[in-house]
Amino acid sequence: GAPVGGMVGYYSLQSNRVRMYDLTGGEARRAPGSRGS
């Protein structure tokens, strides 16, 4: 119900889940030809 600001992850007491995102930046920051090993 509100933005998370600069937080990269959080645990919700209500849902009992952790939510986050790909800390590597995903495909955009991988070396050319890499498969994300």
PDB file of all heavy atoms in Angstrom:
ATOM      1  N   GLY A   1       0.799  -1.217   0.000  1.00  0.00           N
ATOM      2  CA  GLY A   1       0.000   0.000   0.000  1.00  0.00           C
ATOM      3  C   GLY A   1       0.828   1.261   0.000  1.00  0.00           C
ATOM      4  O   GLY A   1       0.302   2.356   0.156  1.00  0.00           O
ATOM      5  N   ALA A   2       2.150   1.128  -0.161  1.00  0.00           N
ATOM      6  CA  ALA A   2       3.048   2.287  -0.173  1.00  0.00           C
ATOM      7  C   ALA A   2       4.341   1.870  -0.848  1.00  0.00           C
ATOM      8  O   ALA A   2       4.711   0.691  -0.825  1.00  0.00           O
ATOM      9  CB  ALA A   2       3.325   2.773   1.251  1.00  0.00           C
ATOM     10  N   PRO A   3       5.076   2.811  -1.447  1.00  0.00           N
ATOM     11  CA  PRO A   3       6.362   2.485  -2.067  1.00  0.00           C
ATOM     12  C   PRO A   3       7.364   1.987  -1.030  1.00  0.00           C
ATOM     13  O   PRO A   3       7.286   2.339   0.147  1.00  0.00           O
ATOM     14  CB  PRO A   3       6.814   3.825  -2.669  1.00  0.00           C
ATOM     15  CG  PRO A   3       5.575   4.640  -2.787  1.00  0.00           C
ATOM     16  CD  PRO A   3       4.694   4.220  -1.642  1.00  0.00           C
ATOM     17  N   VAL A   4       8.314   1.170  -1.470  1.00  0.00           N
ATOM     18  CA  VAL A   4       9.304   0.606  -0.556  1.00  0.00           C
ATOM     19  C   VAL A   4      10.553   1.473  -0.438  1.00  0.00           C
ATOM     20  O   VAL A   4      11.470   1.138   0.294  1.00  0.00           O
ATOM     21  CB  VAL A   4       9.718  -0.816  -0.995  1.00  0.00           C
ATOM     22  CG1 VAL A   4       8.571  -1.769  -0.840  1.00  0.00           C
ATOM     23  CG2 VAL A   4      10.229  -0.807  -2.433  1.00  0.00           C
ATOM     24  N   GLY A   5      10.598   2.582  -1.164  1.00  0.00           N
ATOM     25  CA  GLY A   5      11.772   3.440  -1.083  1.00  0.00           C
ATOM     26  C   GLY A   5      12.994   2.750  -1.650  1.00  0.00           C
ATOM     27  O   GLY A   5      12.930   2.091  -2.686  1.00  0.00           O
ATOM     28  N   GLY A   6      14.129   2.865  -0.966  1.00  0.00           N
ATOM     29  CA  GLY A   6      15.362   2.290  -1.475  1.00  0.00           C
ATOM     30  C   GLY A   6      15.628   0.871  -1.028  1.00  0.00           C
ATOM     31  O   GLY A   6      16.730   0.357  -1.237  1.00  0.00           O
ATOM     32  N   MET A   7      14.671   0.228  -0.410  1.00  0.00           N
ATOM     33  CA  MET A   7      14.887  -1.125   0.097  1.00  0.00           C
ATOM     34  C   MET A   7      14.935  -2.132  -1.046  1.00  0.00           C
ATOM     35  O   MET A   7      14.104  -2.110  -1.950  1.00  0.00           O
ATOM     36  CB  MET A   7      13.775  -1.514   1.065  1.00  0.00           C
ATOM     37  CG  MET A   7      13.757  -0.694   2.326  1.00  0.00           C
ATOM     38  SD  MET A   7      12.336  -1.138   3.338  1.00  0.00           S
ATOM     39  CE  MET A   7      12.632  -2.899   3.547  1.00  0.00           C
ATOM     40  N   VAL A   8      15.895  -3.060  -1.003  1.00  0.00           N
ATOM     41  CA  VAL A   8      16.033  -4.062  -2.067  1.00  0.00           C
ATOM     42  C   VAL A   8      15.272  -5.354  -1.739  1.00  0.00           C
ATOM     43  O   VAL A   8      15.212  -6.260  -2.553  1.00  0.00           O
ATOM     44  CB  VAL A   8      17.509  -4.397  -2.344  1.00  0.00           C
ATOM     45  CG1 VAL A   8      18.263  -3.145  -2.749  1.00  0.00           C
ATOM     46  CG2 VAL A   8      18.162  -5.061  -1.131  1.00  0.00           C
ATOM     47  N   GLY A   9      14.700  -5.412  -0.551  1.00  0.00           N
ATOM     48  CA  GLY A   9      13.930  -6.586  -0.164  1.00  0.00           C
ATOM     49  C   GLY A   9      13.246  -6.340   1.161  1.00  0.00           C
ATOM     50  O   GLY A   9      13.633  -5.447   1.911  1.00  0.00           O
ATOM     51  N   TYR A  10      12.207  -7.115   1.442  1.00  0.00           N
ATOM     52  CA  TYR A  10      11.519  -7.008   2.723  1.00  0.00           C
ATOM     53  C   TYR A  10      10.802  -8.313   3.035  1.00  0.00           C
ATOM     54  O   TYR A  10      10.510  -9.126   2.149  1.00  0.00           O
ATOM     55  CB  TYR A  10      10.512  -5.855   2.725  1.00  0.00           C
ATOM     56  CG  TYR A  10       9.359  -6.023   1.746  1.00  0.00           C
ATOM     57  CD1 TYR A  10       8.191  -6.682   2.110  1.00  0.00           C
ATOM     58  CD2 TYR A  10       9.449  -5.530   0.448  1.00  0.00           C
ATOM     59  CE1 TYR A  10       7.144  -6.854   1.220  1.00  0.00           C
ATOM     60  CE2 TYR A  10       8.414  -5.691  -0.449  1.00  0.00           C
ATOM     61  CZ  TYR A  10       7.266  -6.356  -0.063  1.00  0.00           C
ATOM     62  OH  TYR A  10       6.240  -6.530  -0.953  1.00  0.00           O
ATOM     63  N   TYR A  11      10.536  -8.505   4.310  1.00  0.00           N
ATOM     64  CA  TYR A  11       9.717  -9.626   4.788  1.00  0.00           C
ATOM     65  C   TYR A  11       8.396  -9.068   5.267  1.00  0.00           C
ATOM     66  O   TYR A  11       8.360  -8.115   6.051  1.00  0.00           O
ATOM     67  CB  TYR A  11      10.420 -10.362   5.928  1.00  0.00           C
ATOM     68  CG  TYR A  11       9.503 -11.310   6.680  1.00  0.00           C
ATOM     69  CD1 TYR A  11       8.943 -12.422   6.055  1.00  0.00           C
ATOM     70  CD2 TYR A  11       9.173 -11.078   8.019  1.00  0.00           C
ATOM     71  CE1 TYR A  11       8.085 -13.279   6.737  1.00  0.00           C
ATOM     72  CE2 TYR A  11       8.324 -11.927   8.711  1.00  0.00           C
ATOM     73  CZ  TYR A  11       7.787 -13.031   8.063  1.00  0.00           C
ATOM     74  OH  TYR A  11       6.928 -13.871   8.735  1.00  0.00           O
ATOM     75  N   SER A  12       7.298  -9.651   4.823  1.00  0.00           N
ATOM     76  CA  SER A  12       5.970  -9.231   5.247  1.00  0.00           C
ATOM     77  C   SER A  12       5.430 -10.183   6.302  1.00  0.00           C
ATOM     78  O   SER A  12       5.308 -11.394   6.052  1.00  0.00           O
ATOM     79  CB  SER A  12       5.014  -9.204   4.047  1.00  0.00           C
ATOM     80  OG  SER A  12       3.675  -9.104   4.482  1.00  0.00           O
ATOM     81  N   LEU A  13       5.102  -9.649   7.463  1.00  0.00           N
ATOM     82  CA  LEU A  13       4.472 -10.465   8.504  1.00  0.00           C
ATOM     83  C   LEU A  13       3.124 -11.002   8.032  1.00  0.00           C
ATOM     84  O   LEU A  13       2.720 -12.096   8.417  1.00  0.00           O
ATOM     85  CB  LEU A  13       4.257  -9.634   9.769  1.00  0.00           C
ATOM     86  CG  LEU A  13       5.459  -9.392  10.680  1.00  0.00           C
ATOM     87  CD1 LEU A  13       5.048  -8.490  11.828  1.00  0.00           C
ATOM     88  CD2 LEU A  13       6.012 -10.697  11.209  1.00  0.00           C
ATOM     89  N   GLN A  14       2.417 -10.233   7.221  1.00  0.00           N
ATOM     90  CA  GLN A  14       1.084 -10.651   6.801  1.00  0.00           C
ATOM     91  C   GLN A  14       1.151 -11.822   5.828  1.00  0.00           C
ATOM     92  O   GLN A  14       0.531 -12.850   6.042  1.00  0.00           O
ATOM     93  CB  GLN A  14       0.331  -9.476   6.173  1.00  0.00           C
ATOM     94  CG  GLN A  14      -1.164  -9.719   5.974  1.00  0.00           C
ATOM     95  CD  GLN A  14      -1.484 -10.454   4.685  1.00  0.00           C
ATOM     96  OE1 GLN A  14      -0.767 -10.345   3.698  1.00  0.00           O
ATOM     97  NE2 GLN A  14      -2.560 -11.220   4.706  1.00  0.00           N
ATOM     98  N   SER A  15       1.917 -11.689   4.768  1.00  0.00           N
ATOM     99  CA  SER A  15       1.963 -12.744   3.758  1.00  0.00           C
ATOM    100  C   SER A  15       2.943 -13.850   4.107  1.00  0.00           C
ATOM    101  O   SER A  15       2.882 -14.941   3.538  1.00  0.00           O
ATOM    102  CB  SER A  15       2.335 -12.152   2.396  1.00  0.00           C
ATOM    103  OG  SER A  15       3.700 -11.740   2.386  1.00  0.00           O
ATOM    104  N   ASN A  16       3.872 -13.573   5.010  1.00  0.00           N
ATOM    105  CA  ASN A  16       4.928 -14.501   5.420  1.00  0.00           C
ATOM    106  C   ASN A  16       5.944 -14.733   4.302  1.00  0.00           C
ATOM    107  O   ASN A  16       6.629 -15.750   4.284  1.00  0.00           O
ATOM    108  CB  ASN A  16       4.353 -15.845   5.880  1.00  0.00           C
ATOM    109  CG  ASN A  16       5.320 -16.626   6.759  1.00  0.00           C
ATOM    110  OD1 ASN A  16       6.068 -16.044   7.543  1.00  0.00           O
ATOM    111  ND2 ASN A  16       5.331 -17.938   6.629  1.00  0.00           N
ATOM    112  N   ARG A  17       6.055 -13.780   3.388  1.00  0.00           N
ATOM    113  CA  ARG A  17       6.950 -13.937   2.245  1.00  0.00           C
ATOM    114  C   ARG A  17       8.031 -12.863   2.239  1.00  0.00           C
ATOM    115  O   ARG A  17       7.822 -11.761   2.729  1.00  0.00           O
ATOM    116  CB  ARG A  17       6.156 -13.856   0.931  1.00  0.00           C
ATOM    117  CG  ARG A  17       5.089 -14.919   0.819  1.00  0.00           C
ATOM    118  CD  ARG A  17       4.211 -14.698  -0.414  1.00  0.00           C
ATOM    119  NE  ARG A  17       3.126 -15.689  -0.461  1.00  0.00           N
ATOM    120  CZ  ARG A  17       2.191 -15.724  -1.399  1.00  0.00           C
ATOM    121  NH1 ARG A  17       2.197 -14.805  -2.374  1.00  0.00           N
ATOM    122  NH2 ARG A  17       1.252 -16.650  -1.371  1.00  0.00           N
ATOM    123  N   VAL A  18       9.172 -13.221   1.660  1.00  0.00           N
ATOM    124  CA  VAL A  18      10.215 -12.250   1.352  1.00  0.00           C
ATOM    125  C   VAL A  18      10.076 -11.889  -0.120  1.00  0.00           C
ATOM    126  O   VAL A  18       9.873 -12.768  -0.967  1.00  0.00           O
ATOM    127  CB  VAL A  18      11.622 -12.828   1.628  1.00  0.00           C
ATOM    128  CG1 VAL A  18      12.706 -11.937   1.016  1.00  0.00           C
ATOM    129  CG2 VAL A  18      11.855 -12.978   3.128  1.00  0.00           C
ATOM    130  N   ARG A  19      10.159 -10.605  -0.417  1.00  0.00           N
ATOM    131  CA  ARG A  19      10.129 -10.139  -1.802  1.00  0.00           C
ATOM    132  C   ARG A  19      11.402  -9.351  -2.072  1.00  0.00           C
ATOM    133  O   ARG A  19      11.827  -8.541  -1.240  1.00  0.00           O
ATOM    134  CB  ARG A  19       8.895  -9.267  -2.048  1.00  0.00           C
ATOM    135  CG  ARG A  19       8.647  -8.947  -3.528  1.00  0.00           C
ATOM    136  CD  ARG A  19       7.438  -8.054  -3.701  1.00  0.00           C
ATOM    137  NE  ARG A  19       6.195  -8.709  -3.329  1.00  0.00           N
ATOM    138  CZ  ARG A  19       5.418  -9.381  -4.175  1.00  0.00           C
ATOM    139  NH1 ARG A  19       5.777  -9.502  -5.448  1.00  0.00           N
ATOM    140  NH2 ARG A  19       4.287  -9.925  -3.756  1.00  0.00           N
ATOM    141  N   MET A  20      12.016  -9.561  -3.229  1.00  0.00           N
ATOM    142  CA  MET A  20      13.279  -8.916  -3.584  1.00  0.00           C
ATOM    143  C   MET A  20      13.380  -8.845  -5.102  1.00  0.00           C
ATOM    144  O   MET A  20      12.438  -9.199  -5.811  1.00  0.00           O
ATOM    145  CB  MET A  20      14.458  -9.707  -3.002  1.00  0.00           C
ATOM    146  CG  MET A  20      14.505 -11.157  -3.478  1.00  0.00           C
ATOM    147  SD  MET A  20      15.905 -12.113  -2.878  1.00  0.00           S
ATOM    148  CE  MET A  20      17.240 -11.388  -3.841  1.00  0.00           C
ATOM    149  N   TYR A  21      14.527  -8.377  -5.606  1.00  0.00           N
ATOM    150  CA  TYR A  21      14.764  -8.406  -7.043  1.00  0.00           C
ATOM    151  C   TYR A  21      16.183  -8.880  -7.315  1.00  0.00           C
ATOM    152  O   TYR A  21      16.990  -9.040  -6.404  1.00  0.00           O
ATOM    153  CB  TYR A  21      14.486  -7.046  -7.692  1.00  0.00           C
ATOM    154  CG  TYR A  21      15.357  -5.905  -7.221  1.00  0.00           C
ATOM    155  CD1 TYR A  21      16.595  -5.650  -7.803  1.00  0.00           C
ATOM    156  CD2 TYR A  21      14.926  -5.055  -6.213  1.00  0.00           C
ATOM    157  CE1 TYR A  21      17.387  -4.592  -7.387  1.00  0.00           C
ATOM    158  CE2 TYR A  21      15.699  -3.981  -5.792  1.00  0.00           C
ATOM    159  CZ  TYR A  21      16.928  -3.763  -6.390  1.00  0.00           C
ATOM    160  OH  TYR A  21      17.711  -2.711  -5.968  1.00  0.00           O
ATOM    161  N   ASP A  22      16.477  -9.133  -8.579  1.00  0.00           N
ATOM    162  CA  ASP A  22      17.778  -9.649  -8.991  1.00  0.00           C
ATOM    163  C   ASP A  22      18.864  -8.624  -8.673  1.00  0.00           C
ATOM    164  O   ASP A  22      18.938  -7.565  -9.300  1.00  0.00           O
ATOM    165  CB  ASP A  22      17.743  -9.958 -10.489  1.00  0.00           C
ATOM    166  CG  ASP A  22      18.990 -10.682 -10.975  1.00  0.00           C
ATOM    167  OD1 ASP A  22      20.048 -10.557 -10.341  1.00  0.00           O
ATOM    168  OD2 ASP A  22      18.904 -11.363 -12.018  1.00  0.00           O
ATOM    169  N   LEU A  23      19.719  -8.936  -7.713  1.00  0.00           N
ATOM    170  CA  LEU A  23      20.732  -7.994  -7.252  1.00  0.00           C
ATOM    171  C   LEU A  23      21.850  -7.795  -8.265  1.00  0.00           C
ATOM    172  O   LEU A  23      22.636  -6.851  -8.146  1.00  0.00           O
ATOM    173  CB  LEU A  23      21.330  -8.479  -5.929  1.00  0.00           C
ATOM    174  CG  LEU A  23      20.343  -8.705  -4.783  1.00  0.00           C
ATOM    175  CD1 LEU A  23      21.085  -9.166  -3.534  1.00  0.00           C
ATOM    176  CD2 LEU A  23      19.545  -7.448  -4.503  1.00  0.00           C
ATOM    177  N   THR A  24      21.966  -8.684  -9.256  1.00  0.00           N
ATOM    178  CA  THR A  24      23.026  -8.540 -10.257  1.00  0.00           C
ATOM    179  C   THR A  24      22.632  -7.557 -11.341  1.00  0.00           C
ATOM    180  O   THR A  24      23.448  -7.196 -12.189  1.00  0.00           O
ATOM    181  CB  THR A  24      23.341  -9.882 -10.925  1.00  0.00           C
ATOM    182  OG1 THR A  24      22.233 -10.302 -11.727  1.00  0.00           O
ATOM    183  CG2 THR A  24      23.656 -10.946  -9.888  1.00  0.00           C
ATOM    184  N   GLY A  25      21.376  -7.130 -11.380  1.00  0.00           N
ATOM    185  CA  GLY A  25      20.910  -6.274 -12.455  1.00  0.00           C
ATOM    186  C   GLY A  25      20.435  -7.054 -13.647  1.00  0.00           C
ATOM    187  O   GLY A  25      20.093  -6.493 -14.689  1.00  0.00           O
ATOM    188  N   GLY A  26      20.394  -8.380 -13.522  1.00  0.00           N
ATOM    189  CA  GLY A  26      19.850  -9.223 -14.579  1.00  0.00           C
ATOM    190  C   GLY A  26      20.697  -9.215 -15.832  1.00  0.00           C
ATOM    191  O   GLY A  26      21.912  -9.032 -15.805  1.00  0.00           O
ATOM    192  N   GLU A  27      20.041  -9.399 -16.965  1.00  0.00           N
ATOM    193  CA  GLU A  27      20.729  -9.549 -18.236  1.00  0.00           C
ATOM    194  C   GLU A  27      21.592  -8.346 -18.587  1.00  0.00           C
ATOM    195  O   GLU A  27      22.631  -8.465 -19.229  1.00  0.00           O
ATOM    196  CB  GLU A  27      19.703  -9.774 -19.356  1.00  0.00           C
ATOM    197  CG  GLU A  27      18.833 -11.006 -19.167  1.00  0.00           C
ATOM    198  CD  GLU A  27      19.625 -12.287 -19.326  1.00  0.00           C
ATOM    199  OE1 GLU A  27      20.710 -12.240 -19.939  1.00  0.00           O
ATOM    200  OE2 GLU A  27      19.169 -13.326 -18.822  1.00  0.00           O
ATOM    201  N   ALA A  28      21.150  -7.150 -18.142  1.00  0.00           N
ATOM    202  CA  ALA A  28      21.830  -5.929 -18.574  1.00  0.00           C
ATOM    203  C   ALA A  28      23.279  -5.863 -18.107  1.00  0.00           C
ATOM    204  O   ALA A  28      24.114  -5.230 -18.752  1.00  0.00           O
ATOM    205  CB  ALA A  28      21.070  -4.706 -18.058  1.00  0.00           C
ATOM    206  N   ARG A  29      23.615  -6.521 -17.010  1.00  0.00           N
ATOM    207  CA  ARG A  29      24.961  -6.393 -16.461  1.00  0.00           C
ATOM    208  C   ARG A  29      25.805  -7.638 -16.659  1.00  0.00           C
ATOM    209  O   ARG A  29      26.929  -7.716 -16.177  1.00  0.00           O
ATOM    210  CB  ARG A  29      24.886  -6.059 -14.964  1.00  0.00           C
ATOM    211  CG  ARG A  29      24.383  -4.652 -14.698  1.00  0.00           C
ATOM    212  CD  ARG A  29      24.356  -4.360 -13.219  1.00  0.00           C
ATOM    213  NE  ARG A  29      25.657  -4.597 -12.601  1.00  0.00           N
ATOM    214  CZ  ARG A  29      25.857  -4.609 -11.279  1.00  0.00           C
ATOM    215  NH1 ARG A  29      24.849  -4.392 -10.469  1.00  0.00           N
ATOM    216  NH2 ARG A  29      27.047  -4.820 -10.775  1.00  0.00           N
ATOM    217  N   ARG A  30      25.282  -8.635 -17.353  1.00  0.00           N
ATOM    218  CA  ARG A  30      26.062  -9.844 -17.571  1.00  0.00           C
ATOM    219  C   ARG A  30      27.048  -9.663 -18.718  1.00  0.00           C
ATOM    220  O   ARG A  30      26.804  -8.904 -19.649  1.00  0.00           O
ATOM    221  CB  ARG A  30      25.133 -11.031 -17.856  1.00  0.00           C
ATOM    222  CG  ARG A  30      24.309 -11.395 -16.631  1.00  0.00           C
ATOM    223  CD  ARG A  30      23.646 -12.744 -16.795  1.00  0.00           C
ATOM    224  NE  ARG A  30      22.705 -12.901 -15.696  1.00  0.00           N
ATOM    225  CZ  ARG A  30      21.404 -13.042 -15.841  1.00  0.00           C
ATOM    226  NH1 ARG A  30      20.877 -13.094 -17.041  1.00  0.00           N
ATOM    227  NH2 ARG A  30      20.628 -13.151 -14.787  1.00  0.00           N
ATOM    228  N   ALA A  31      28.123 -10.396 -18.659  1.00  0.00           N
ATOM    229  CA  ALA A  31      29.110 -10.348 -19.733  1.00  0.00           C
ATOM    230  C   ALA A  31      28.495 -10.887 -21.018  1.00  0.00           C
ATOM    231  O   ALA A  31      27.631 -11.767 -20.986  1.00  0.00           O
ATOM    232  CB  ALA A  31      30.338 -11.173 -19.328  1.00  0.00           C
ATOM    233  N   PRO A  32      28.936 -10.374 -22.178  1.00  0.00           N
ATOM    234  CA  PRO A  32      28.402 -10.859 -23.450  1.00  0.00           C
ATOM    235  C   PRO A  32      28.552 -12.370 -23.572  1.00  0.00           C
ATOM    236  O   PRO A  32      29.615 -12.925 -23.283  1.00  0.00           O
ATOM    237  CB  PRO A  32      29.262 -10.122 -24.479  1.00  0.00           C
ATOM    238  CG  PRO A  32      29.718  -8.890 -23.782  1.00  0.00           C
ATOM    239  CD  PRO A  32      29.904  -9.295 -22.355  1.00  0.00           C
ATOM    240  N   GLY A  33      27.487 -13.031 -23.965  1.00  0.00           N
ATOM    241  CA  GLY A  33      27.512 -14.475 -24.135  1.00  0.00           C
ATOM    242  C   GLY A  33      27.334 -15.256 -22.853  1.00  0.00           C
ATOM    243  O   GLY A  33      27.278 -16.484 -22.864  1.00  0.00           O
ATOM    244  N   SER A  34      27.239 -14.563 -21.703  1.00  0.00           N
ATOM    245  CA  SER A  34      27.085 -15.259 -20.427  1.00  0.00           C
ATOM    246  C   SER A  34      25.679 -15.784 -20.259  1.00  0.00           C
ATOM    247  O   SER A  34      24.720 -15.216 -20.759  1.00  0.00           O
ATOM    248  CB  SER A  34      27.403 -14.309 -19.273  1.00  0.00           C
ATOM    249  OG  SER A  34      26.966 -14.845 -18.051  1.00  0.00           O
ATOM    250  N   ARG A  35      25.560 -16.876 -19.537  1.00  0.00           N
ATOM    251  CA  ARG A  35      24.248 -17.445 -19.238  1.00  0.00           C
ATOM    252  C   ARG A  35      23.861 -17.239 -17.778  1.00  0.00           C
ATOM    253  O   ARG A  35      22.950 -17.872 -17.277  1.00  0.00           O
ATOM    254  CB  ARG A  35      24.237 -18.939 -19.577  1.00  0.00           C
ATOM    255  CG  ARG A  35      24.437 -19.227 -21.062  1.00  0.00           C
ATOM    256  CD  ARG A  35      24.318 -20.711 -21.341  1.00  0.00           C
ATOM    257  NE  ARG A  35      24.469 -20.987 -22.767  1.00  0.00           N
ATOM    258  CZ  ARG A  35      24.404 -22.218 -23.289  1.00  0.00           C
ATOM    259  NH1 ARG A  35      24.201 -23.260 -22.509  1.00  0.00           N
ATOM    260  NH2 ARG A  35      24.556 -22.383 -24.595  1.00  0.00           N
ATOM    261  N   GLY A  36      24.580 -16.366 -17.102  1.00  0.00           N
ATOM    262  CA  GLY A  36      24.248 -16.114 -15.706  1.00  0.00           C
ATOM    263  C   GLY A  36      24.613 -17.279 -14.820  1.00  0.00           C
ATOM    264  O   GLY A  36      23.813 -17.720 -13.992  1.00  0.00           O
ATOM    265  N   SER A  37      25.838 -17.814 -14.971  1.00  0.00           N
ATOM    266  CA  SER A  37      26.269 -18.957 -14.188  1.00  0.00           C
ATOM    267  C   SER A  37      26.449 -18.563 -12.731  1.00  0.00           C
ATOM    268  O   SER A  37      26.604 -17.386 -12.393  1.00  0.00           O
ATOM    269  CB  SER A  37      27.594 -19.502 -14.734  1.00  0.00           C
ATOM    270  OG  SER A  37      28.632 -18.558 -14.522  1.00  0.00           O
TER     271      SER A  37
END
